[in-house]
């Protein structure tokens, strides 16, 4: 699974993938990468659940008007 996040002007903020079973999904990896580039002064938690909670509570609209495209692997 992969995820691309674009800003309102179509600039790529992040391109990330799900790296391994049991680790963070592509969406969280992409959101984390984009968040770090937009808000480098903020230190982020490492653990996936804590990271998700932190970004949900502290995004302050940084992704307003952004869009995410997510791929899924084909079903067999």
PDB file of N, CA and C in Angstrom:
ATOM      1  N   UNK A   1       0.852  -1.174   0.000  1.00  0.00           N
ATOM      2  CA  UNK A   1       0.000   0.000   0.000  1.00  0.00           C
ATOM      3  C   UNK A   1       0.894   1.233   0.000  1.00  0.00           C
ATOM      4  N   UNK A   2       0.514   2.241  -0.768  1.00  0.00           N
ATOM      5  CA  UNK A   2       1.262   3.487  -0.834  1.00  0.00           C
ATOM      6  C   UNK A   2       0.355   4.682  -0.615  1.00  0.00           C
ATOM      7  N   UNK A   3       0.935   5.810  -0.255  1.00  0.00           N
ATOM      8  CA  UNK A   3       0.177   7.037  -0.025  1.00  0.00           C
ATOM      9  C   UNK A   3       0.995   8.237  -0.496  1.00  0.00           C
ATOM     10  N   UNK A   4       0.336   9.109  -1.251  1.00  0.00           N
ATOM     11  CA  UNK A   4       0.925  10.372  -1.691  1.00  0.00           C
ATOM     12  C   UNK A   4       0.058  11.488  -1.123  1.00  0.00           C
ATOM     13  N   UNK A   5       0.684  12.508  -0.550  1.00  0.00           N
ATOM     14  CA  UNK A   5      -0.043  13.675  -0.043  1.00  0.00           C
ATOM     15  C   UNK A   5       0.403  14.891  -0.838  1.00  0.00           C
ATOM     16  N   UNK A   6      -0.576  15.618  -1.371  1.00  0.00           N
ATOM     17  CA  UNK A   6      -0.328  16.843  -2.132  1.00  0.00           C
ATOM     18  C   UNK A   6      -0.900  18.035  -1.386  1.00  0.00           C
ATOM     19  N   UNK A   7      -0.226  19.193  -1.484  1.00  0.00           N
ATOM     20  CA  UNK A   7      -0.801  20.407  -0.916  1.00  0.00           C
ATOM     21  C   UNK A   7      -1.830  20.975  -1.888  1.00  0.00           C
ATOM     22  N   UNK A   8      -2.424  22.103  -1.530  1.00  0.00           N
ATOM     23  CA  UNK A   8      -3.504  22.670  -2.351  1.00  0.00           C
ATOM     24  C   UNK A   8      -3.040  23.086  -3.747  1.00  0.00           C
ATOM     25  N   UNK A   9      -1.731  23.258  -3.940  1.00  0.00           N
ATOM     26  CA  UNK A   9      -1.193  23.634  -5.251  1.00  0.00           C
ATOM     27  C   UNK A   9      -0.683  22.436  -6.047  1.00  0.00           C
ATOM     28  N   UNK A  10      -0.848  21.238  -5.501  1.00  0.00           N
ATOM     29  CA  UNK A  10      -0.399  20.031  -6.182  1.00  0.00           C
ATOM     30  C   UNK A  10       1.041  19.648  -5.900  1.00  0.00           C
ATOM     31  N   UNK A  11       1.709  20.378  -5.003  1.00  0.00           N
ATOM     32  CA  UNK A  11       3.088  20.040  -4.631  1.00  0.00           C
ATOM     33  C   UNK A  11       3.074  18.782  -3.764  1.00  0.00           C
ATOM     34  N   UNK A  12       3.976  17.854  -4.069  1.00  0.00           N
ATOM     35  CA  UNK A  12       4.064  16.620  -3.286  1.00  0.00           C
ATOM     36  C   UNK A  12       4.674  16.929  -1.920  1.00  0.00           C
ATOM     37  N   UNK A  13       3.916  16.597  -0.872  1.00  0.00           N
ATOM     38  CA  UNK A  13       4.407  16.754   0.495  1.00  0.00           C
ATOM     39  C   UNK A  13       5.041  15.463   1.004  1.00  0.00           C
ATOM     40  N   UNK A  14       4.528  14.327   0.515  1.00  0.00           N
ATOM     41  CA  UNK A  14       5.056  13.037   0.966  1.00  0.00           C
ATOM     42  C   UNK A  14       4.639  11.923   0.018  1.00  0.00           C
ATOM     43  N   UNK A  15       5.526  10.958  -0.135  1.00  0.00           N
ATOM     44  CA  UNK A  15       5.229   9.692  -0.818  1.00  0.00           C
ATOM     45  C   UNK A  15       5.801   8.603   0.086  1.00  0.00           C
ATOM     46  N   UNK A  16       4.925   7.796   0.650  1.00  0.00           N
ATOM     47  CA  UNK A  16       5.378   6.746   1.574  1.00  0.00           C
ATOM     48  C   UNK A  16       4.586   5.467   1.352  1.00  0.00           C
ATOM     49  N   UNK A  17       5.131   4.367   1.865  1.00  0.00           N
ATOM     50  CA  UNK A  17       4.504   3.058   1.713  1.00  0.00           C
ATOM     51  C   UNK A  17       4.445   2.339   3.057  1.00  0.00           C
ATOM     52  N   UNK A  18       3.590   1.333   3.115  1.00  0.00           N
ATOM     53  CA  UNK A  18       3.550   0.422   4.258  1.00  0.00           C
ATOM     54  C   UNK A  18       4.774  -0.468   4.127  1.00  0.00           C
ATOM     55  N   UNK A  19       5.644  -0.440   5.103  1.00  0.00           N
ATOM     56  CA  UNK A  19       6.940  -1.101   4.963  1.00  0.00           C
ATOM     57  C   UNK A  19       6.963  -2.559   5.393  1.00  0.00           C
ATOM     58  N   UNK A  20       6.161  -2.898   6.423  1.00  0.00           N
ATOM     59  CA  UNK A  20       6.221  -4.256   6.953  1.00  0.00           C
ATOM     60  C   UNK A  20       4.992  -4.516   7.807  1.00  0.00           C
ATOM     61  N   UNK A  21       4.492  -5.752   7.763  1.00  0.00           N
ATOM     62  CA  UNK A  21       3.345  -6.127   8.595  1.00  0.00           C
ATOM     63  C   UNK A  21       3.640  -5.802  10.056  1.00  0.00           C
ATOM     64  N   UNK A  22       2.669  -5.206  10.711  1.00  0.00           N
ATOM     65  CA  UNK A  22       2.823  -4.845  12.113  1.00  0.00           C
ATOM     66  C   UNK A  22       3.344  -3.439  12.341  1.00  0.00           C
ATOM     67  N   UNK A  23       3.815  -2.789  11.279  1.00  0.00           N
ATOM     68  CA  UNK A  23       4.294  -1.410  11.398  1.00  0.00           C
ATOM     69  C   UNK A  23       3.220  -0.438  10.925  1.00  0.00           C
ATOM     70  N   UNK A  24       3.485   0.839  11.055  1.00  0.00           N
ATOM     71  CA  UNK A  24       2.524   1.883  10.666  1.00  0.00           C
ATOM     72  C   UNK A  24       2.115   1.739   9.206  1.00  0.00           C
ATOM     73  N   UNK A  25       0.870   2.068   8.925  1.00  0.00           N
ATOM     74  CA  UNK A  25       0.349   2.013   7.558  1.00  0.00           C
ATOM     75  C   UNK A  25       0.924   3.150   6.718  1.00  0.00           C
ATOM     76  N   UNK A  26       0.773   3.034   5.410  1.00  0.00           N
ATOM     77  CA  UNK A  26       1.292   4.028   4.466  1.00  0.00           C
ATOM     78  C   UNK A  26       0.761   5.424   4.766  1.00  0.00           C
ATOM     79  N   UNK A  27      -0.522   5.506   5.119  1.00  0.00           N
ATOM     80  CA  UNK A  27      -1.127   6.813   5.380  1.00  0.00           C
ATOM     81  C   UNK A  27      -0.435   7.518   6.540  1.00  0.00           C
ATOM     82  N   UNK A  28      -0.206   6.794   7.636  1.00  0.00           N
ATOM     83  CA  UNK A  28       0.460   7.405   8.786  1.00  0.00           C
ATOM     84  C   UNK A  28       1.906   7.753   8.448  1.00  0.00           C
ATOM     85  N   UNK A  29       2.579   6.901   7.689  1.00  0.00           N
ATOM     86  CA  UNK A  29       3.956   7.213   7.276  1.00  0.00           C
ATOM     87  C   UNK A  29       4.004   8.496   6.446  1.00  0.00           C
ATOM     88  N   UNK A  30       3.063   8.644   5.522  1.00  0.00           N
ATOM     89  CA  UNK A  30       3.032   9.839   4.672  1.00  0.00           C
ATOM     90  C   UNK A  30       2.660  11.081   5.476  1.00  0.00           C
ATOM     91  N   UNK A  31       1.656  10.952   6.325  1.00  0.00           N
ATOM     92  CA  UNK A  31       1.242  12.093   7.152  1.00  0.00           C
ATOM     93  C   UNK A  31       2.391  12.526   8.057  1.00  0.00           C
ATOM     94  N   UNK A  32       3.090  11.566   8.624  1.00  0.00           N
ATOM     95  CA  UNK A  32       4.227  11.880   9.498  1.00  0.00           C
ATOM     96  C   UNK A  32       5.317  12.623   8.732  1.00  0.00           C
ATOM     97  N   UNK A  33       5.666  12.126   7.556  1.00  0.00           N
ATOM     98  CA  UNK A  33       6.698  12.773   6.735  1.00  0.00           C
ATOM     99  C   UNK A  33       6.284  14.205   6.376  1.00  0.00           C
ATOM    100  N   UNK A  34       5.041  14.367   5.943  1.00  0.00           N
ATOM    101  CA  UNK A  34       4.548  15.695   5.572  1.00  0.00           C
ATOM    102  C   UNK A  34       4.515  16.621   6.785  1.00  0.00           C
ATOM    103  N   UNK A  35       4.048  16.105   7.918  1.00  0.00           N
ATOM    104  CA  UNK A  35       3.970  16.912   9.141  1.00  0.00           C
ATOM    105  C   UNK A  35       5.362  17.392   9.550  1.00  0.00           C
ATOM    106  N   UNK A  36       6.347  16.490   9.482  1.00  0.00           N
ATOM    107  CA  UNK A  36       7.724  16.867   9.839  1.00  0.00           C
ATOM    108  C   UNK A  36       8.264  17.960   8.920  1.00  0.00           C
ATOM    109  N   UNK A  37       7.914  17.906   7.634  1.00  0.00           N
ATOM    110  CA  UNK A  37       8.416  18.923   6.706  1.00  0.00           C
ATOM    111  C   UNK A  37       7.704  20.257   6.894  1.00  0.00           C
ATOM    112  N   UNK A  38       6.439  20.212   7.297  1.00  0.00           N
ATOM    113  CA  UNK A  38       5.674  21.447   7.493  1.00  0.00           C
ATOM    114  C   UNK A  38       5.869  22.049   8.884  1.00  0.00           C
ATOM    115  N   UNK A  39       6.150  21.203   9.871  1.00  0.00           N
ATOM    116  CA  UNK A  39       6.313  21.651  11.260  1.00  0.00           C
ATOM    117  C   UNK A  39       7.577  21.036  11.868  1.00  0.00           C
ATOM    118  N   UNK A  40       8.758  21.361  11.320  1.00  0.00           N
ATOM    119  CA  UNK A  40       9.998  20.707  11.772  1.00  0.00           C
ATOM    120  C   UNK A  40      10.368  20.987  13.227  1.00  0.00           C
ATOM    121  N   UNK A  41       9.791  22.016  13.795  1.00  0.00           N
ATOM    122  CA  UNK A  41      10.120  22.368  15.178  1.00  0.00           C
ATOM    123  C   UNK A  41       9.443  21.460  16.199  1.00  0.00           C
ATOM    124  N   UNK A  42       8.489  20.646  15.762  1.00  0.00           N
ATOM    125  CA  UNK A  42       7.738  19.781  16.674  1.00  0.00           C
ATOM    126  C   UNK A  42       8.359  18.391  16.694  1.00  0.00           C
ATOM    127  N   UNK A  43       8.603  17.892  17.902  1.00  0.00           N
ATOM    128  CA  UNK A  43       9.138  16.544  18.082  1.00  0.00           C
ATOM    129  C   UNK A  43       7.970  15.560  18.133  1.00  0.00           C
ATOM    130  N   UNK A  44       8.043  14.507  17.335  1.00  0.00           N
ATOM    131  CA  UNK A  44       6.946  13.548  17.229  1.00  0.00           C
ATOM    132  C   UNK A  44       7.259  12.253  17.969  1.00  0.00           C
ATOM    133  N   UNK A  45       6.218  11.616  18.539  1.00  0.00           N
ATOM    134  CA  UNK A  45       6.416  10.295  19.152  1.00  0.00           C
ATOM    135  C   UNK A  45       6.846   9.275  18.099  1.00  0.00           C
ATOM    136  N   UNK A  46       7.509   8.225  18.515  1.00  0.00           N
ATOM    137  CA  UNK A  46       7.982   7.180  17.595  1.00  0.00           C
ATOM    138  C   UNK A  46       6.931   6.084  17.381  1.00  0.00           C
ATOM    139  N   UNK A  47       6.227   5.694  18.433  1.00  0.00           N
ATOM    140  CA  UNK A  47       5.277   4.579  18.376  1.00  0.00           C
ATOM    141  C   UNK A  47       4.046   4.978  17.576  1.00  0.00           C
ATOM    142  N   UNK A  48       3.558   4.085  16.706  1.00  0.00           N
ATOM    143  CA  UNK A  48       2.496   4.401  15.741  1.00  0.00           C
ATOM    144  C   UNK A  48       1.210   4.915  16.385  1.00  0.00           C
ATOM    145  N   UNK A  49       0.716   4.249  17.424  1.00  0.00           N
ATOM    146  CA  UNK A  49      -0.537   4.702  18.046  1.00  0.00           C
ATOM    147  C   UNK A  49      -0.375   6.072  18.693  1.00  0.00           C
ATOM    148  N   UNK A  50       0.737   6.279  19.382  1.00  0.00           N
ATOM    149  CA  UNK A  50       0.997   7.575  20.014  1.00  0.00           C
ATOM    150  C   UNK A  50       1.169   8.661  18.958  1.00  0.00           C
ATOM    151  N   UNK A  51       1.819   8.325  17.869  1.00  0.00           N
ATOM    152  CA  UNK A  51       2.028   9.266  16.769  1.00  0.00           C
ATOM    153  C   UNK A  51       0.697   9.682  16.154  1.00  0.00           C
ATOM    154  N   UNK A  52      -0.164   8.705  15.887  1.00  0.00           N
ATOM    155  CA  UNK A  52      -1.497   8.977  15.333  1.00  0.00           C
ATOM    156  C   UNK A  52      -2.276   9.908  16.257  1.00  0.00           C
ATOM    157  N   UNK A  53      -2.314   9.585  17.546  1.00  0.00           N
ATOM    158  CA  UNK A  53      -3.022  10.421  18.525  1.00  0.00           C
ATOM    159  C   UNK A  53      -2.452  11.838  18.552  1.00  0.00           C
ATOM    160  N   UNK A  54      -1.128  11.947  18.563  1.00  0.00           N
ATOM    161  CA  UNK A  54      -0.479  13.252  18.633  1.00  0.00           C
ATOM    162  C   UNK A  54      -0.847  14.120  17.435  1.00  0.00           C
ATOM    163  N   UNK A  55      -0.753  13.562  16.235  1.00  0.00           N
ATOM    164  CA  UNK A  55      -1.056  14.342  15.032  1.00  0.00           C
ATOM    165  C   UNK A  55      -2.532  14.727  14.995  1.00  0.00           C
ATOM    166  N   UNK A  56      -3.415  13.804  15.384  1.00  0.00           N
ATOM    167  CA  UNK A  56      -4.853  14.129  15.423  1.00  0.00           C
ATOM    168  C   UNK A  56      -5.136  15.306  16.353  1.00  0.00           C
ATOM    169  N   UNK A  57      -4.446  15.365  17.472  1.00  0.00           N
ATOM    170  CA  UNK A  57      -4.687  16.415  18.467  1.00  0.00           C
ATOM    171  C   UNK A  57      -3.916  17.707  18.183  1.00  0.00           C
ATOM    172  N   UNK A  58      -2.835  17.645  17.411  1.00  0.00           N
ATOM    173  CA  UNK A  58      -1.938  18.803  17.275  1.00  0.00           C
ATOM    174  C   UNK A  58      -1.697  19.267  15.844  1.00  0.00           C
ATOM    175  N   UNK A  59      -2.511  18.855  14.905  1.00  0.00           N
ATOM    176  CA  UNK A  59      -2.258  19.211  13.499  1.00  0.00           C
ATOM    177  C   UNK A  59      -2.469  20.697  13.221  1.00  0.00           C
ATOM    178  N   UNK A  60      -3.328  21.361  13.971  1.00  0.00           N
ATOM    179  CA  UNK A  60      -3.601  22.798  13.838  1.00  0.00           C
ATOM    180  C   UNK A  60      -3.878  23.208  12.389  1.00  0.00           C
ATOM    181  N   UNK A  61      -4.561  22.329  11.655  1.00  0.00           N
ATOM    182  CA  UNK A  61      -4.971  22.665  10.294  1.00  0.00           C
ATOM    183  C   UNK A  61      -3.863  22.662   9.262  1.00  0.00           C
ATOM    184  N   UNK A  62      -2.711  22.085   9.586  1.00  0.00           N
ATOM    185  CA  UNK A  62      -1.561  22.119   8.676  1.00  0.00           C
ATOM    186  C   UNK A  62      -1.849  21.401   7.346  1.00  0.00           C
ATOM    187  N   UNK A  63      -2.821  20.490   7.343  1.00  0.00           N
ATOM    188  CA  UNK A  63      -3.159  19.766   6.112  1.00  0.00           C
ATOM    189  C   UNK A  63      -4.401  20.312   5.421  1.00  0.00           C
ATOM    190  N   UNK A  64      -4.876  21.490   5.824  1.00  0.00           N
ATOM    191  CA  UNK A  64      -6.067  22.072   5.204  1.00  0.00           C
ATOM    192  C   UNK A  64      -5.852  22.193   3.691  1.00  0.00           C
ATOM    193  N   UNK A  65      -6.841  21.749   2.949  1.00  0.00           N
ATOM    194  CA  UNK A  65      -6.836  21.775   1.479  1.00  0.00           C
ATOM    195  C   UNK A  65      -5.819  20.823   0.849  1.00  0.00           C
ATOM    196  N   UNK A  66      -5.187  19.971   1.650  1.00  0.00           N
ATOM    197  CA  UNK A  66      -4.306  18.933   1.098  1.00  0.00           C
ATOM    198  C   UNK A  66      -5.158  17.732   0.718  1.00  0.00           C
ATOM    199  N   UNK A  67      -4.594  16.849  -0.094  1.00  0.00           N
ATOM    200  CA  UNK A  67      -5.313  15.646  -0.512  1.00  0.00           C
ATOM    201  C   UNK A  67      -4.360  14.462  -0.452  1.00  0.00           C
ATOM    202  N   UNK A  68      -4.908  13.309  -0.062  1.00  0.00           N
ATOM    203  CA  UNK A  68      -4.118  12.079  -0.009  1.00  0.00           C
ATOM    204  C   UNK A  68      -4.664  11.086  -1.023  1.00  0.00           C
ATOM    205  N   UNK A  69      -3.756  10.445  -1.745  1.00  0.00           N
ATOM    206  CA  UNK A  69      -4.100   9.362  -2.661  1.00  0.00           C
ATOM    207  C   UNK A  69      -3.486   8.089  -2.093  1.00  0.00           C
ATOM    208  N   UNK A  70      -4.312   7.058  -1.932  1.00  0.00           N
ATOM    209  CA  UNK A  70      -3.862   5.805  -1.329  1.00  0.00           C
ATOM    210  C   UNK A  70      -4.111   4.658  -2.297  1.00  0.00           C
ATOM    211  N   UNK A  71      -3.098   3.818  -2.481  1.00  0.00           N
ATOM    212  CA  UNK A  71      -3.251   2.628  -3.323  1.00  0.00           C
ATOM    213  C   UNK A  71      -3.483   1.414  -2.434  1.00  0.00           C
ATOM    214  N   UNK A  72      -4.092   0.398  -3.007  1.00  0.00           N
ATOM    215  CA  UNK A  72      -4.243  -0.884  -2.323  1.00  0.00           C
ATOM    216  C   UNK A  72      -3.717  -1.976  -3.234  1.00  0.00           C
ATOM    217  N   UNK A  73      -3.161  -3.013  -2.624  1.00  0.00           N
ATOM    218  CA  UNK A  73      -2.669  -4.119  -3.436  1.00  0.00           C
ATOM    219  C   UNK A  73      -3.851  -4.883  -4.022  1.00  0.00           C
ATOM    220  N   UNK A  74      -3.676  -5.490  -5.174  1.00  0.00           N
ATOM    221  CA  UNK A  74      -4.777  -6.251  -5.788  1.00  0.00           C
ATOM    222  C   UNK A  74      -5.176  -7.446  -4.931  1.00  0.00           C
ATOM    223  N   UNK A  75      -6.446  -7.767  -4.925  1.00  0.00           N
ATOM    224  CA  UNK A  75      -6.926  -8.964  -4.225  1.00  0.00           C
ATOM    225  C   UNK A  75      -6.567 -10.195  -5.046  1.00  0.00           C
ATOM    226  N   UNK A  76      -6.298 -11.284  -4.367  1.00  0.00           N
ATOM    227  CA  UNK A  76      -5.989 -12.513  -5.110  1.00  0.00           C
ATOM    228  C   UNK A  76      -7.155 -13.477  -5.064  1.00  0.00           C
TER     229      UNK A  76
END
